[in-house]
Amino acid sequence: MSGHAAQVKEHMEVVGSDGKHVGTVDHMDGDRIKLTKKDDPDGSGQHHHFIPASSIAGVEGNQVKLSMPADQAKAKATNPGMGR
């Protein structure tokens, strides 16, 4: 698991390497960030999506910064097979 994963807390904002919003942390689920349903990347508000902890570049303030742009992170989060 990423060394930064231990710093990830509920309700933190997840942003891509481009600074754009990806989602909001529900909680850590093993080696993945589980995003809240209400702020899910596919916009339906009906599903939890997951981002691998290995994608975390750092945690700063109330933000989890990823090592990829937001669009790429959203694509991986909405297609779970791609995120593993």
N, C-alpha and C. Protein backbone atom coordinates (compact mmCIF):
# COMPACT_ATOMS: atom_id res chain seq x y z
N MET A 1 0.85 -1.19 0.00
CA MET A 1 0.00 0.00 0.00
C MET A 1 0.89 1.25 0.00
N SER A 2 0.41 2.27 -0.66
CA SER A 2 1.15 3.53 -0.72
C SER A 2 1.37 4.09 0.68
N GLY A 3 2.54 4.68 0.91
CA GLY A 3 2.83 5.28 2.21
C GLY A 3 1.89 6.42 2.55
N HIS A 4 1.30 7.02 1.52
CA HIS A 4 0.38 8.13 1.73
C HIS A 4 -1.02 7.66 2.14
N ALA A 5 -1.33 6.40 1.90
CA ALA A 5 -2.68 5.89 2.16
C ALA A 5 -3.09 6.06 3.61
N ALA A 6 -2.14 5.95 4.54
CA ALA A 6 -2.44 6.09 5.97
C ALA A 6 -2.91 7.50 6.31
N GLN A 7 -2.59 8.48 5.46
CA GLN A 7 -2.99 9.87 5.69
C GLN A 7 -4.37 10.19 5.13
N VAL A 8 -4.91 9.29 4.32
CA VAL A 8 -6.21 9.53 3.68
C VAL A 8 -7.33 9.37 4.70
N LYS A 9 -8.17 10.39 4.79
CA LYS A 9 -9.27 10.40 5.76
C LYS A 9 -10.61 10.64 5.05
N GLU A 10 -11.66 10.23 5.71
CA GLU A 10 -13.02 10.42 5.23
C GLU A 10 -13.28 11.89 4.87
N HIS A 11 -13.97 12.10 3.78
CA HIS A 11 -14.42 13.41 3.29
C HIS A 11 -13.32 14.28 2.67
N MET A 12 -12.11 13.73 2.50
CA MET A 12 -11.07 14.50 1.80
C MET A 12 -11.44 14.58 0.32
N GLU A 13 -11.02 15.67 -0.31
CA GLU A 13 -11.22 15.82 -1.75
C GLU A 13 -10.10 15.07 -2.47
N VAL A 14 -10.46 14.36 -3.53
CA VAL A 14 -9.48 13.68 -4.37
C VAL A 14 -9.34 14.49 -5.65
N VAL A 15 -8.11 14.89 -5.97
CA VAL A 15 -7.85 15.68 -7.18
C VAL A 15 -6.79 15.01 -8.03
N GLY A 16 -6.88 15.24 -9.33
CA GLY A 16 -5.89 14.71 -10.25
C GLY A 16 -4.61 15.52 -10.20
N SER A 17 -3.61 15.07 -10.95
CA SER A 17 -2.34 15.78 -11.01
C SER A 17 -2.50 17.16 -11.65
N ASP A 18 -3.62 17.35 -12.35
CA ASP A 18 -3.94 18.64 -12.97
C ASP A 18 -4.72 19.55 -12.04
N GLY A 19 -4.97 19.09 -10.80
CA GLY A 19 -5.70 19.89 -9.81
C GLY A 19 -7.21 19.82 -9.93
N LYS A 20 -7.72 19.06 -10.89
CA LYS A 20 -9.17 18.97 -11.10
C LYS A 20 -9.79 17.91 -10.19
N HIS A 21 -11.01 18.18 -9.77
CA HIS A 21 -11.76 17.33 -8.84
C HIS A 21 -12.06 15.96 -9.46
N VAL A 22 -11.80 14.91 -8.68
CA VAL A 22 -12.12 13.54 -9.08
C VAL A 22 -13.28 13.01 -8.26
N GLY A 23 -13.27 13.25 -6.95
CA GLY A 23 -14.31 12.74 -6.07
C GLY A 23 -14.00 13.08 -4.63
N THR A 24 -14.77 12.45 -3.73
CA THR A 24 -14.62 12.66 -2.29
C THR A 24 -14.43 11.30 -1.63
N VAL A 25 -13.49 11.22 -0.71
CA VAL A 25 -13.18 9.96 -0.03
C VAL A 25 -14.35 9.54 0.85
N ASP A 26 -14.80 8.30 0.67
CA ASP A 26 -15.72 7.67 1.62
C ASP A 26 -14.85 7.05 2.72
N HIS A 27 -13.91 6.21 2.33
CA HIS A 27 -12.91 5.65 3.24
C HIS A 27 -11.90 4.82 2.45
N MET A 28 -10.86 4.39 3.12
CA MET A 28 -9.91 3.47 2.51
C MET A 28 -10.50 2.06 2.62
N ASP A 29 -10.42 1.34 1.52
CA ASP A 29 -10.94 -0.03 1.46
C ASP A 29 -9.78 -0.92 1.02
N GLY A 30 -9.01 -1.37 1.99
CA GLY A 30 -7.81 -2.15 1.67
C GLY A 30 -6.79 -1.27 0.98
N ASP A 31 -6.45 -1.62 -0.25
CA ASP A 31 -5.46 -0.86 -1.01
C ASP A 31 -6.11 0.06 -2.03
N ARG A 32 -7.35 0.47 -1.74
CA ARG A 32 -8.08 1.36 -2.65
C ARG A 32 -8.76 2.48 -1.89
N ILE A 33 -8.92 3.62 -2.57
CA ILE A 33 -9.74 4.71 -2.04
C ILE A 33 -11.15 4.46 -2.53
N LYS A 34 -12.10 4.38 -1.60
CA LYS A 34 -13.50 4.24 -1.96
C LYS A 34 -14.09 5.65 -1.99
N LEU A 35 -14.65 6.04 -3.14
CA LEU A 35 -15.24 7.37 -3.29
C LEU A 35 -16.70 7.35 -2.87
N THR A 36 -17.21 8.48 -2.39
CA THR A 36 -18.62 8.56 -1.98
C THR A 36 -19.53 8.41 -3.19
N LYS A 37 -20.72 7.89 -2.95
CA LYS A 37 -21.71 7.74 -4.01
C LYS A 37 -22.17 9.09 -4.54
N LYS A 38 -22.40 10.04 -3.61
CA LYS A 38 -23.00 11.31 -4.02
C LYS A 38 -22.09 12.14 -4.91
N ASP A 39 -20.82 11.80 -4.93
CA ASP A 39 -19.84 12.56 -5.70
C ASP A 39 -19.05 11.62 -6.61
N ASP A 40 -19.75 10.61 -7.16
CA ASP A 40 -19.03 9.62 -7.94
C ASP A 40 -18.65 10.14 -9.33
N PRO A 41 -17.56 9.61 -9.89
CA PRO A 41 -17.05 10.11 -11.16
C PRO A 41 -17.99 9.94 -12.35
N ASP A 42 -18.91 8.97 -12.33
CA ASP A 42 -19.79 8.82 -13.49
C ASP A 42 -21.01 9.74 -13.41
N GLY A 43 -21.15 10.45 -12.27
CA GLY A 43 -22.21 11.45 -12.15
C GLY A 43 -23.58 10.90 -11.82
N SER A 44 -23.71 9.59 -11.65
CA SER A 44 -25.03 9.01 -11.39
C SER A 44 -25.44 9.13 -9.92
N GLY A 45 -24.47 9.21 -9.01
CA GLY A 45 -24.77 9.28 -7.59
C GLY A 45 -25.29 7.97 -7.05
N GLN A 46 -25.10 6.89 -7.80
CA GLN A 46 -25.66 5.60 -7.41
C GLN A 46 -24.62 4.54 -7.07
N HIS A 47 -23.36 4.83 -7.33
CA HIS A 47 -22.33 3.81 -7.15
C HIS A 47 -21.12 4.33 -6.39
N HIS A 48 -20.48 3.43 -5.68
CA HIS A 48 -19.16 3.74 -5.13
C HIS A 48 -18.15 3.39 -6.22
N HIS A 49 -17.11 4.17 -6.33
CA HIS A 49 -16.03 3.88 -7.25
C HIS A 49 -14.74 3.83 -6.46
N PHE A 50 -13.75 3.19 -7.03
CA PHE A 50 -12.50 2.95 -6.32
C PHE A 50 -11.29 3.41 -7.14
N ILE A 51 -10.31 3.93 -6.44
CA ILE A 51 -9.05 4.34 -7.05
C ILE A 51 -7.94 3.63 -6.28
N PRO A 52 -7.01 2.98 -6.98
CA PRO A 52 -5.94 2.28 -6.27
C PRO A 52 -5.05 3.24 -5.47
N ALA A 53 -4.68 2.81 -4.28
CA ALA A 53 -3.82 3.62 -3.42
C ALA A 53 -2.48 3.90 -4.10
N SER A 54 -2.08 3.04 -5.01
CA SER A 54 -0.81 3.23 -5.73
C SER A 54 -0.85 4.48 -6.61
N SER A 55 -2.03 5.05 -6.84
CA SER A 55 -2.19 6.26 -7.64
C SER A 55 -2.01 7.54 -6.83
N ILE A 56 -1.86 7.41 -5.51
CA ILE A 56 -1.73 8.59 -4.65
C ILE A 56 -0.31 9.15 -4.77
N ALA A 57 -0.22 10.42 -5.19
CA ALA A 57 1.08 11.09 -5.28
C ALA A 57 1.42 11.76 -3.95
N GLY A 58 0.39 12.17 -3.21
CA GLY A 58 0.62 12.83 -1.94
C GLY A 58 -0.68 13.26 -1.29
N VAL A 59 -0.60 13.64 -0.04
CA VAL A 59 -1.75 14.15 0.71
C VAL A 59 -1.32 15.50 1.27
N GLU A 60 -2.10 16.52 0.94
CA GLU A 60 -1.76 17.88 1.36
C GLU A 60 -3.01 18.58 1.85
N GLY A 61 -3.00 18.99 3.12
CA GLY A 61 -4.19 19.62 3.68
C GLY A 61 -5.35 18.64 3.66
N ASN A 62 -6.45 19.03 3.04
CA ASN A 62 -7.63 18.18 2.94
C ASN A 62 -7.78 17.59 1.54
N GLN A 63 -6.66 17.45 0.83
CA GLN A 63 -6.71 16.92 -0.52
C GLN A 63 -5.80 15.71 -0.69
N VAL A 64 -6.32 14.73 -1.41
CA VAL A 64 -5.53 13.59 -1.86
C VAL A 64 -5.17 13.90 -3.31
N LYS A 65 -3.88 14.01 -3.58
CA LYS A 65 -3.43 14.33 -4.93
C LYS A 65 -2.96 13.05 -5.61
N LEU A 66 -3.48 12.85 -6.82
CA LEU A 66 -3.15 11.64 -7.57
C LEU A 66 -2.00 11.87 -8.53
N SER A 67 -1.43 10.79 -9.00
CA SER A 67 -0.29 10.85 -9.93
C SER A 67 -0.74 10.87 -11.38
N MET A 68 -2.03 11.05 -11.62
CA MET A 68 -2.57 11.10 -12.98
C MET A 68 -3.61 12.21 -13.07
N PRO A 69 -3.87 12.72 -14.29
CA PRO A 69 -4.88 13.75 -14.45
C PRO A 69 -6.27 13.24 -14.05
N ALA A 70 -7.15 14.14 -13.71
CA ALA A 70 -8.50 13.79 -13.25
C ALA A 70 -9.25 12.93 -14.25
N ASP A 71 -9.19 13.25 -15.53
CA ASP A 71 -9.93 12.47 -16.53
C ASP A 71 -9.48 11.01 -16.55
N GLN A 72 -8.18 10.79 -16.44
CA GLN A 72 -7.65 9.43 -16.42
C GLN A 72 -8.08 8.71 -15.15
N ALA A 73 -8.03 9.40 -14.01
CA ALA A 73 -8.44 8.79 -12.74
C ALA A 73 -9.92 8.44 -12.77
N LYS A 74 -10.75 9.32 -13.33
CA LYS A 74 -12.19 9.05 -13.42
C LYS A 74 -12.45 7.83 -14.31
N ALA A 75 -11.71 7.72 -15.41
CA ALA A 75 -11.87 6.57 -16.30
C ALA A 75 -11.52 5.28 -15.58
N LYS A 76 -10.46 5.29 -14.81
CA LYS A 76 -10.07 4.09 -14.06
C LYS A 76 -11.09 3.79 -12.96
N ALA A 77 -11.59 4.84 -12.32
CA ALA A 77 -12.54 4.64 -11.22
C ALA A 77 -13.88 4.13 -11.72
N THR A 78 -14.30 4.54 -12.91
CA THR A 78 -15.59 4.12 -13.42
C THR A 78 -15.50 2.78 -14.16
N ASN A 79 -14.29 2.32 -14.42
CA ASN A 79 -14.06 1.02 -15.04
C ASN A 79 -13.16 0.22 -14.11
N PRO A 80 -13.74 -0.39 -13.06
CA PRO A 80 -12.96 -1.01 -12.00
C PRO A 80 -11.87 -1.97 -12.47
N GLY A 81 -12.08 -2.68 -13.55
CA GLY A 81 -11.07 -3.60 -14.05
C GLY A 81 -9.80 -2.89 -14.46
N MET A 82 -9.90 -1.62 -14.85
CA MET A 82 -8.73 -0.85 -15.28
C MET A 82 -7.92 -0.38 -14.09
N GLY A 83 -8.55 -0.27 -12.92
CA GLY A 83 -7.88 0.29 -11.76
C GLY A 83 -7.03 -0.70 -11.01
N ARG A 84 -7.07 -1.94 -11.35
CA ARG A 84 -6.34 -2.98 -10.64
C ARG A 84 -5.03 -3.29 -11.30
